């Protein structure tokens, strides 16, 4: 829930972006 409902004004949490061609989740997280 909180991972979805996180309005910009709250200034909470964070998110990660990466290589969308990564073969595995571990590979995505690593980069």
ModelCIF file with pLDDT and N, C-alpha, C, O atoms, coordinates in Angstrom:
data_MODEL
#
_entry.id   MODEL 
#
_entity.id                         1 
_entity.type                       polymer 
_entity.pdbx_number_of_molecules   1 
#
_entity_poly.entity_id                      1 
_entity_poly.type                           'polypeptide(L)' 
_entity_poly.nstd_linkage                   no 
_entity_poly.nstd_monomer                   no 
_entity_poly.pdbx_seq_one_letter_code       
;(UNK)(UNK)(UNK)(UNK)(UNK)(UNK)(UNK)(UNK)(UNK)(UNK)(UNK)(UNK)(UNK)(UNK)(UNK)(UNK)
(UNK)(UNK)(UNK)(UNK)(UNK)(UNK)(UNK)(UNK)(UNK)(UNK)(UNK)(UNK)(UNK)(UNK)(UNK)
;
_entity_poly.pdbx_seq_one_letter_code_can   XXXXXXXXXXXXXXXXXXXXXXXXXXXXXXX 
_entity_poly.pdbx_strand_id                 A 
#
loop_
_entity_poly_seq.entity_id 
_entity_poly_seq.num 
_entity_poly_seq.mon_id 
_entity_poly_seq.hetero 
1 1  UNK n 
1 2  UNK n 
1 3  UNK n 
1 4  UNK n 
1 5  UNK n 
1 6  UNK n 
1 7  UNK n 
1 8  UNK n 
1 9  UNK n 
1 10 UNK n 
1 11 UNK n 
1 12 UNK n 
1 13 UNK n 
1 14 UNK n 
1 15 UNK n 
1 16 UNK n 
1 17 UNK n 
1 18 UNK n 
1 19 UNK n 
1 20 UNK n 
1 21 UNK n 
1 22 UNK n 
1 23 UNK n 
1 24 UNK n 
1 25 UNK n 
1 26 UNK n 
1 27 UNK n 
1 28 UNK n 
1 29 UNK n 
1 30 UNK n 
1 31 UNK n 
#
_struct_asym.id          A 
_struct_asym.entity_id   1 
#
loop_
_ma_qa_metric.id 
_ma_qa_metric.mode 
_ma_qa_metric.name 
_ma_qa_metric.software_group_id 
_ma_qa_metric.type 
1 global pLDDT . pLDDT 
2 local  pLDDT . pLDDT 
#
_ma_qa_metric_global.metric_id      1 
_ma_qa_metric_global.metric_value   96.52 
_ma_qa_metric_global.model_id       1 
_ma_qa_metric_global.ordinal_id     1 
#
loop_
_ma_qa_metric_local.label_asym_id 
_ma_qa_metric_local.label_comp_id 
_ma_qa_metric_local.label_seq_id 
_ma_qa_metric_local.metric_id 
_ma_qa_metric_local.metric_value 
_ma_qa_metric_local.model_id 
_ma_qa_metric_local.ordinal_id 
A UNK 1  2 93.00 1 1  
A UNK 2  2 93.00 1 2  
A UNK 3  2 95.00 1 3  
A UNK 4  2 97.00 1 4  
A UNK 5  2 96.00 1 5  
A UNK 6  2 97.00 1 6  
A UNK 7  2 97.00 1 7  
A UNK 8  2 97.00 1 8  
A UNK 9  2 95.00 1 9  
A UNK 10 2 94.00 1 10 
A UNK 11 2 95.00 1 11 
A UNK 12 2 95.00 1 12 
A UNK 13 2 97.00 1 13 
A UNK 14 2 98.00 1 14 
A UNK 15 2 98.00 1 15 
A UNK 16 2 98.00 1 16 
A UNK 17 2 98.00 1 17 
A UNK 18 2 97.00 1 18 
A UNK 19 2 97.00 1 19 
A UNK 20 2 97.00 1 20 
A UNK 21 2 96.00 1 21 
A UNK 22 2 97.00 1 22 
A UNK 23 2 96.00 1 23 
A UNK 24 2 97.00 1 24 
A UNK 25 2 98.00 1 25 
A UNK 26 2 97.00 1 26 
A UNK 27 2 98.00 1 27 
A UNK 28 2 98.00 1 28 
A UNK 29 2 97.00 1 29 
A UNK 30 2 97.00 1 30 
A UNK 31 2 97.00 1 31 
#
loop_
_atom_site.group_PDB 
_atom_site.id 
_atom_site.type_symbol 
_atom_site.label_atom_id 
_atom_site.label_alt_id 
_atom_site.label_comp_id 
_atom_site.label_asym_id 
_atom_site.label_entity_id 
_atom_site.label_seq_id 
_atom_site.pdbx_PDB_ins_code 
_atom_site.Cartn_x 
_atom_site.Cartn_y 
_atom_site.Cartn_z 
_atom_site.occupancy 
_atom_site.B_iso_or_equiv 
_atom_site.pdbx_formal_charge 
_atom_site.auth_seq_id 
_atom_site.auth_comp_id 
_atom_site.auth_asym_id 
_atom_site.auth_atom_id 
_atom_site.pdbx_PDB_model_num 
ATOM 1   N N  . UNK A 1 1  ? 0.830  -1.207  0.000   1.00 93.00 ? 1  UNK A N  1 
ATOM 2   C CA . UNK A 1 1  ? 0.000  0.000   0.000   1.00 93.00 ? 1  UNK A CA 1 
ATOM 3   C C  . UNK A 1 1  ? 0.863  1.254   0.000   1.00 93.00 ? 1  UNK A C  1 
ATOM 4   O O  . UNK A 1 1  ? 0.773  2.075   -0.913  1.00 93.00 ? 1  UNK A O  1 
ATOM 5   N N  . UNK A 1 2  ? 1.699  1.403   1.023   1.00 93.00 ? 2  UNK A N  1 
ATOM 6   C CA . UNK A 1 2  ? 2.510  2.618   1.129   1.00 93.00 ? 2  UNK A CA 1 
ATOM 7   C C  . UNK A 1 2  ? 3.482  2.753   -0.026  1.00 93.00 ? 2  UNK A C  1 
ATOM 8   O O  . UNK A 1 2  ? 3.881  3.867   -0.369  1.00 93.00 ? 2  UNK A O  1 
ATOM 9   N N  . UNK A 1 3  ? 3.869  1.647   -0.629  1.00 95.00 ? 3  UNK A N  1 
ATOM 10  C CA . UNK A 1 3  ? 4.745  1.718   -1.789  1.00 95.00 ? 3  UNK A CA 1 
ATOM 11  C C  . UNK A 1 3  ? 4.057  2.293   -3.000  1.00 95.00 ? 3  UNK A C  1 
ATOM 12  O O  . UNK A 1 3  ? 4.711  2.830   -3.894  1.00 95.00 ? 3  UNK A O  1 
ATOM 13  N N  . UNK A 1 4  ? 2.734  2.185   -3.041  1.00 97.00 ? 4  UNK A N  1 
ATOM 14  C CA . UNK A 1 4  ? 1.945  2.758   -4.139  1.00 97.00 ? 4  UNK A CA 1 
ATOM 15  C C  . UNK A 1 4  ? 1.475  4.159   -3.770  1.00 97.00 ? 4  UNK A C  1 
ATOM 16  O O  . UNK A 1 4  ? 1.668  5.107   -4.531  1.00 97.00 ? 4  UNK A O  1 
ATOM 17  N N  . UNK A 1 5  ? 0.863  4.283   -2.607  1.00 96.00 ? 5  UNK A N  1 
ATOM 18  C CA . UNK A 1 5  ? 0.287  5.565   -2.179  1.00 96.00 ? 5  UNK A CA 1 
ATOM 19  C C  . UNK A 1 5  ? 1.383  6.384   -1.486  1.00 96.00 ? 5  UNK A C  1 
ATOM 20  O O  . UNK A 1 5  ? 1.476  6.411   -0.259  1.00 96.00 ? 5  UNK A O  1 
ATOM 21  N N  . UNK A 1 6  ? 2.200  7.044   -2.292  1.00 97.00 ? 6  UNK A N  1 
ATOM 22  C CA . UNK A 1 6  ? 3.322  7.824   -1.783  1.00 97.00 ? 6  UNK A CA 1 
ATOM 23  C C  . UNK A 1 6  ? 3.402  9.154   -2.543  1.00 97.00 ? 6  UNK A C  1 
ATOM 24  O O  . UNK A 1 6  ? 4.214  9.295   -3.458  1.00 97.00 ? 6  UNK A O  1 
ATOM 25  N N  . UNK A 1 7  ? 2.577  10.112  -2.174  1.00 97.00 ? 7  UNK A N  1 
ATOM 26  C CA . UNK A 1 7  ? 2.520  11.379  -2.904  1.00 97.00 ? 7  UNK A CA 1 
ATOM 27  C C  . UNK A 1 7  ? 3.828  12.165  -2.811  1.00 97.00 ? 7  UNK A C  1 
ATOM 28  O O  . UNK A 1 7  ? 4.524  12.073  -1.801  1.00 97.00 ? 7  UNK A O  1 
ATOM 29  N N  . UNK A 1 8  ? 4.168  12.922  -3.828  1.00 97.00 ? 8  UNK A N  1 
ATOM 30  C CA . UNK A 1 8  ? 5.423  13.683  -3.824  1.00 97.00 ? 8  UNK A CA 1 
ATOM 31  C C  . UNK A 1 8  ? 5.552  14.634  -2.642  1.00 97.00 ? 8  UNK A C  1 
ATOM 32  O O  . UNK A 1 8  ? 6.644  14.788  -2.095  1.00 97.00 ? 8  UNK A O  1 
ATOM 33  N N  . UNK A 1 9  ? 4.467  15.271  -2.240  1.00 95.00 ? 9  UNK A N  1 
ATOM 34  C CA . UNK A 1 9  ? 4.535  16.266  -1.167  1.00 95.00 ? 9  UNK A CA 1 
ATOM 35  C C  . UNK A 1 9  ? 4.947  15.653  0.166   1.00 95.00 ? 9  UNK A C  1 
ATOM 36  O O  . UNK A 1 9  ? 5.439  16.361  1.044   1.00 95.00 ? 9  UNK A O  1 
ATOM 37  N N  . UNK A 1 10 ? 4.752  14.352  0.325   1.00 94.00 ? 10 UNK A N  1 
ATOM 38  C CA . UNK A 1 10 ? 5.091  13.702  1.599   1.00 94.00 ? 10 UNK A CA 1 
ATOM 39  C C  . UNK A 1 10 ? 6.594  13.586  1.796   1.00 94.00 ? 10 UNK A C  1 
ATOM 40  O O  . UNK A 1 10 ? 7.068  13.532  2.931   1.00 94.00 ? 10 UNK A O  1 
ATOM 41  N N  . UNK A 1 11 ? 7.347  13.548  0.705   1.00 95.00 ? 11 UNK A N  1 
ATOM 42  C CA . UNK A 1 11 ? 8.795  13.432  0.818   1.00 95.00 ? 11 UNK A CA 1 
ATOM 43  C C  . UNK A 1 11 ? 9.257  12.153  1.488   1.00 95.00 ? 11 UNK A C  1 
ATOM 44  O O  . UNK A 1 11 ? 10.263 12.160  2.198   1.00 95.00 ? 11 UNK A O  1 
ATOM 45  N N  . UNK A 1 12 ? 8.542  11.050  1.277   1.00 95.00 ? 12 UNK A N  1 
ATOM 46  C CA . UNK A 1 12 ? 8.842  9.795   1.964   1.00 95.00 ? 12 UNK A CA 1 
ATOM 47  C C  . UNK A 1 12 ? 9.400  8.744   0.999   1.00 95.00 ? 12 UNK A C  1 
ATOM 48  O O  . UNK A 1 12 ? 9.199  8.807   -0.213  1.00 95.00 ? 12 UNK A O  1 
ATOM 49  N N  . UNK A 1 13 ? 10.095 7.793   1.579   1.00 97.00 ? 13 UNK A N  1 
ATOM 50  C CA . UNK A 1 13 ? 10.581 6.606   0.885   1.00 97.00 ? 13 UNK A CA 1 
ATOM 51  C C  . UNK A 1 13 ? 11.519 6.961   -0.268  1.00 97.00 ? 13 UNK A C  1 
ATOM 52  O O  . UNK A 1 13 ? 12.163 8.010   -0.268  1.00 97.00 ? 13 UNK A O  1 
ATOM 53  N N  . UNK A 1 14 ? 11.578 6.068   -1.239  1.00 98.00 ? 14 UNK A N  1 
ATOM 54  C CA . UNK A 1 14 ? 12.466 6.213   -2.382  1.00 98.00 ? 14 UNK A CA 1 
ATOM 55  C C  . UNK A 1 14 ? 12.052 5.212   -3.449  1.00 98.00 ? 14 UNK A C  1 
ATOM 56  O O  . UNK A 1 14 ? 11.150 4.401   -3.240  1.00 98.00 ? 14 UNK A O  1 
ATOM 57  N N  . UNK A 1 15 ? 12.711 5.276   -4.575  1.00 98.00 ? 15 UNK A N  1 
ATOM 58  C CA . UNK A 1 15 ? 12.453 4.274   -5.616  1.00 98.00 ? 15 UNK A CA 1 
ATOM 59  C C  . UNK A 1 15 ? 13.747 4.035   -6.384  1.00 98.00 ? 15 UNK A C  1 
ATOM 60  O O  . UNK A 1 15 ? 14.677 4.840   -6.342  1.00 98.00 ? 15 UNK A O  1 
ATOM 61  N N  . UNK A 1 16 ? 13.778 2.913   -7.082  1.00 98.00 ? 16 UNK A N  1 
ATOM 62  C CA . UNK A 1 16 ? 14.958 2.528   -7.850  1.00 98.00 ? 16 UNK A CA 1 
ATOM 63  C C  . UNK A 1 16 ? 14.570 2.266   -9.303  1.00 98.00 ? 16 UNK A C  1 
ATOM 64  O O  . UNK A 1 16 ? 13.560 1.619   -9.580  1.00 98.00 ? 16 UNK A O  1 
ATOM 65  N N  . UNK A 1 17 ? 15.365 2.763   -10.205 1.00 98.00 ? 17 UNK A N  1 
ATOM 66  C CA . UNK A 1 17 ? 15.233 2.468   -11.631 1.00 98.00 ? 17 UNK A CA 1 
ATOM 67  C C  . UNK A 1 17 ? 16.544 1.845   -12.091 1.00 98.00 ? 17 UNK A C  1 
ATOM 68  O O  . UNK A 1 17 ? 17.587 2.037   -11.467 1.00 98.00 ? 17 UNK A O  1 
ATOM 69  N N  . UNK A 1 18 ? 16.483 1.106   -13.176 1.00 97.00 ? 18 UNK A N  1 
ATOM 70  C CA . UNK A 1 18 ? 17.690 0.425   -13.636 1.00 97.00 ? 18 UNK A CA 1 
ATOM 71  C C  . UNK A 1 18 ? 17.567 -0.049  -15.062 1.00 97.00 ? 18 UNK A C  1 
ATOM 72  O O  . UNK A 1 18 ? 16.799 0.495   -15.855 1.00 97.00 ? 18 UNK A O  1 
ATOM 73  N N  . UNK A 1 19 ? 18.330 -1.061  -15.370 1.00 97.00 ? 19 UNK A N  1 
ATOM 74  C CA . UNK A 1 19 ? 18.386 -1.613  -16.721 1.00 97.00 ? 19 UNK A CA 1 
ATOM 75  C C  . UNK A 1 19 ? 17.170 -2.505  -16.954 1.00 97.00 ? 19 UNK A C  1 
ATOM 76  O O  . UNK A 1 19 ? 17.073 -3.596  -16.393 1.00 97.00 ? 19 UNK A O  1 
ATOM 77  N N  . UNK A 1 20 ? 16.256 -2.038  -17.777 1.00 97.00 ? 20 UNK A N  1 
ATOM 78  C CA . UNK A 1 20 ? 15.039 -2.812  -18.042 1.00 97.00 ? 20 UNK A CA 1 
ATOM 79  C C  . UNK A 1 20 ? 15.296 -4.032  -18.928 1.00 97.00 ? 20 UNK A C  1 
ATOM 80  O O  . UNK A 1 20 ? 14.389 -4.822  -19.192 1.00 97.00 ? 20 UNK A O  1 
ATOM 81  N N  . UNK A 1 21 ? 16.528 -4.172  -19.377 1.00 96.00 ? 21 UNK A N  1 
ATOM 82  C CA . UNK A 1 21 ? 16.891 -5.369  -20.152 1.00 96.00 ? 21 UNK A CA 1 
ATOM 83  C C  . UNK A 1 21 ? 17.586 -6.404  -19.275 1.00 96.00 ? 21 UNK A C  1 
ATOM 84  O O  . UNK A 1 21 ? 18.035 -7.440  -19.765 1.00 96.00 ? 21 UNK A O  1 
ATOM 85  N N  . UNK A 1 22 ? 17.673 -6.120  -17.977 1.00 97.00 ? 22 UNK A N  1 
ATOM 86  C CA . UNK A 1 22 ? 18.322 -7.058  -17.056 1.00 97.00 ? 22 UNK A CA 1 
ATOM 87  C C  . UNK A 1 22 ? 17.655 -8.427  -17.130 1.00 97.00 ? 22 UNK A C  1 
ATOM 88  O O  . UNK A 1 22 ? 16.431 -8.532  -17.206 1.00 97.00 ? 22 UNK A O  1 
ATOM 89  N N  . UNK A 1 23 ? 18.473 -9.466  -17.107 1.00 96.00 ? 23 UNK A N  1 
ATOM 90  C CA . UNK A 1 23 ? 17.937 -10.823 -17.240 1.00 96.00 ? 23 UNK A CA 1 
ATOM 91  C C  . UNK A 1 23 ? 17.283 -11.318 -15.963 1.00 96.00 ? 23 UNK A C  1 
ATOM 92  O O  . UNK A 1 23 ? 16.397 -12.172 -16.007 1.00 96.00 ? 23 UNK A O  1 
ATOM 93  N N  . UNK A 1 24 ? 17.719 -10.783 -14.816 1.00 97.00 ? 24 UNK A N  1 
ATOM 94  C CA . UNK A 1 24 ? 17.184 -11.237 -13.535 1.00 97.00 ? 24 UNK A CA 1 
ATOM 95  C C  . UNK A 1 24 ? 16.929 -10.041 -12.629 1.00 97.00 ? 24 UNK A C  1 
ATOM 96  O O  . UNK A 1 24 ? 17.429 -8.941  -12.866 1.00 97.00 ? 24 UNK A O  1 
ATOM 97  N N  . UNK A 1 25 ? 16.144 -10.278 -11.590 1.00 98.00 ? 25 UNK A N  1 
ATOM 98  C CA . UNK A 1 25 ? 15.896 -9.233  -10.601 1.00 98.00 ? 25 UNK A CA 1 
ATOM 99  C C  . UNK A 1 25 ? 17.198 -8.848  -9.908  1.00 98.00 ? 25 UNK A C  1 
ATOM 100 O O  . UNK A 1 25 ? 17.450 -7.662  -9.694  1.00 98.00 ? 25 UNK A O  1 
ATOM 101 N N  . UNK A 1 26 ? 18.021 -9.816  -9.558  1.00 97.00 ? 26 UNK A N  1 
ATOM 102 C CA . UNK A 1 26 ? 19.281 -9.512  -8.894  1.00 97.00 ? 26 UNK A CA 1 
ATOM 103 C C  . UNK A 1 26 ? 20.157 -8.620  -9.766  1.00 97.00 ? 26 UNK A C  1 
ATOM 104 O O  . UNK A 1 26 ? 20.815 -7.707  -9.268  1.00 97.00 ? 26 UNK A O  1 
ATOM 105 N N  . UNK A 1 27 ? 20.160 -8.883  -11.040 1.00 98.00 ? 27 UNK A N  1 
ATOM 106 C CA . UNK A 1 27 ? 20.948 -8.057  -11.957 1.00 98.00 ? 27 UNK A CA 1 
ATOM 107 C C  . UNK A 1 27 ? 20.396 -6.639  -12.011 1.00 98.00 ? 27 UNK A C  1 
ATOM 108 O O  . UNK A 1 27 ? 21.158 -5.673  -12.043 1.00 98.00 ? 27 UNK A O  1 
ATOM 109 N N  . UNK A 1 28 ? 19.061 -6.511  -12.021 1.00 98.00 ? 28 UNK A N  1 
ATOM 110 C CA . UNK A 1 28 ? 18.435 -5.185  -12.028 1.00 98.00 ? 28 UNK A CA 1 
ATOM 111 C C  . UNK A 1 28 ? 18.802 -4.419  -10.760 1.00 98.00 ? 28 UNK A C  1 
ATOM 112 O O  . UNK A 1 28 ? 19.198 -3.255  -10.826 1.00 98.00 ? 28 UNK A O  1 
ATOM 113 N N  . UNK A 1 29 ? 18.670 -5.072  -9.609  1.00 97.00 ? 29 UNK A N  1 
ATOM 114 C CA . UNK A 1 29 ? 18.934 -4.411  -8.339  1.00 97.00 ? 29 UNK A CA 1 
ATOM 115 C C  . UNK A 1 29 ? 20.394 -3.997  -8.234  1.00 97.00 ? 29 UNK A C  1 
ATOM 116 O O  . UNK A 1 29 ? 20.702 -2.914  -7.737  1.00 97.00 ? 29 UNK A O  1 
ATOM 117 N N  . UNK A 1 30 ? 21.289 -4.853  -8.699  1.00 97.00 ? 30 UNK A N  1 
ATOM 118 C CA . UNK A 1 30 ? 22.720 -4.566  -8.596  1.00 97.00 ? 30 UNK A CA 1 
ATOM 119 C C  . UNK A 1 30 ? 23.097 -3.279  -9.328  1.00 97.00 ? 30 UNK A C  1 
ATOM 120 O O  . UNK A 1 30 ? 23.998 -2.560  -8.896  1.00 97.00 ? 30 UNK A O  1 
ATOM 121 N N  . UNK A 1 31 ? 22.417 -2.990  -10.424 1.00 97.00 ? 31 UNK A N  1 
ATOM 122 C CA . UNK A 1 31 ? 22.755 -1.807  -11.203 1.00 97.00 ? 31 UNK A CA 1 
ATOM 123 C C  . UNK A 1 31 ? 21.764 -0.667  -11.068 1.00 97.00 ? 31 UNK A C  1 
ATOM 124 O O  . UNK A 1 31 ? 21.946 0.385   -11.681 1.00 97.00 ? 31 UNK A O  1 
#
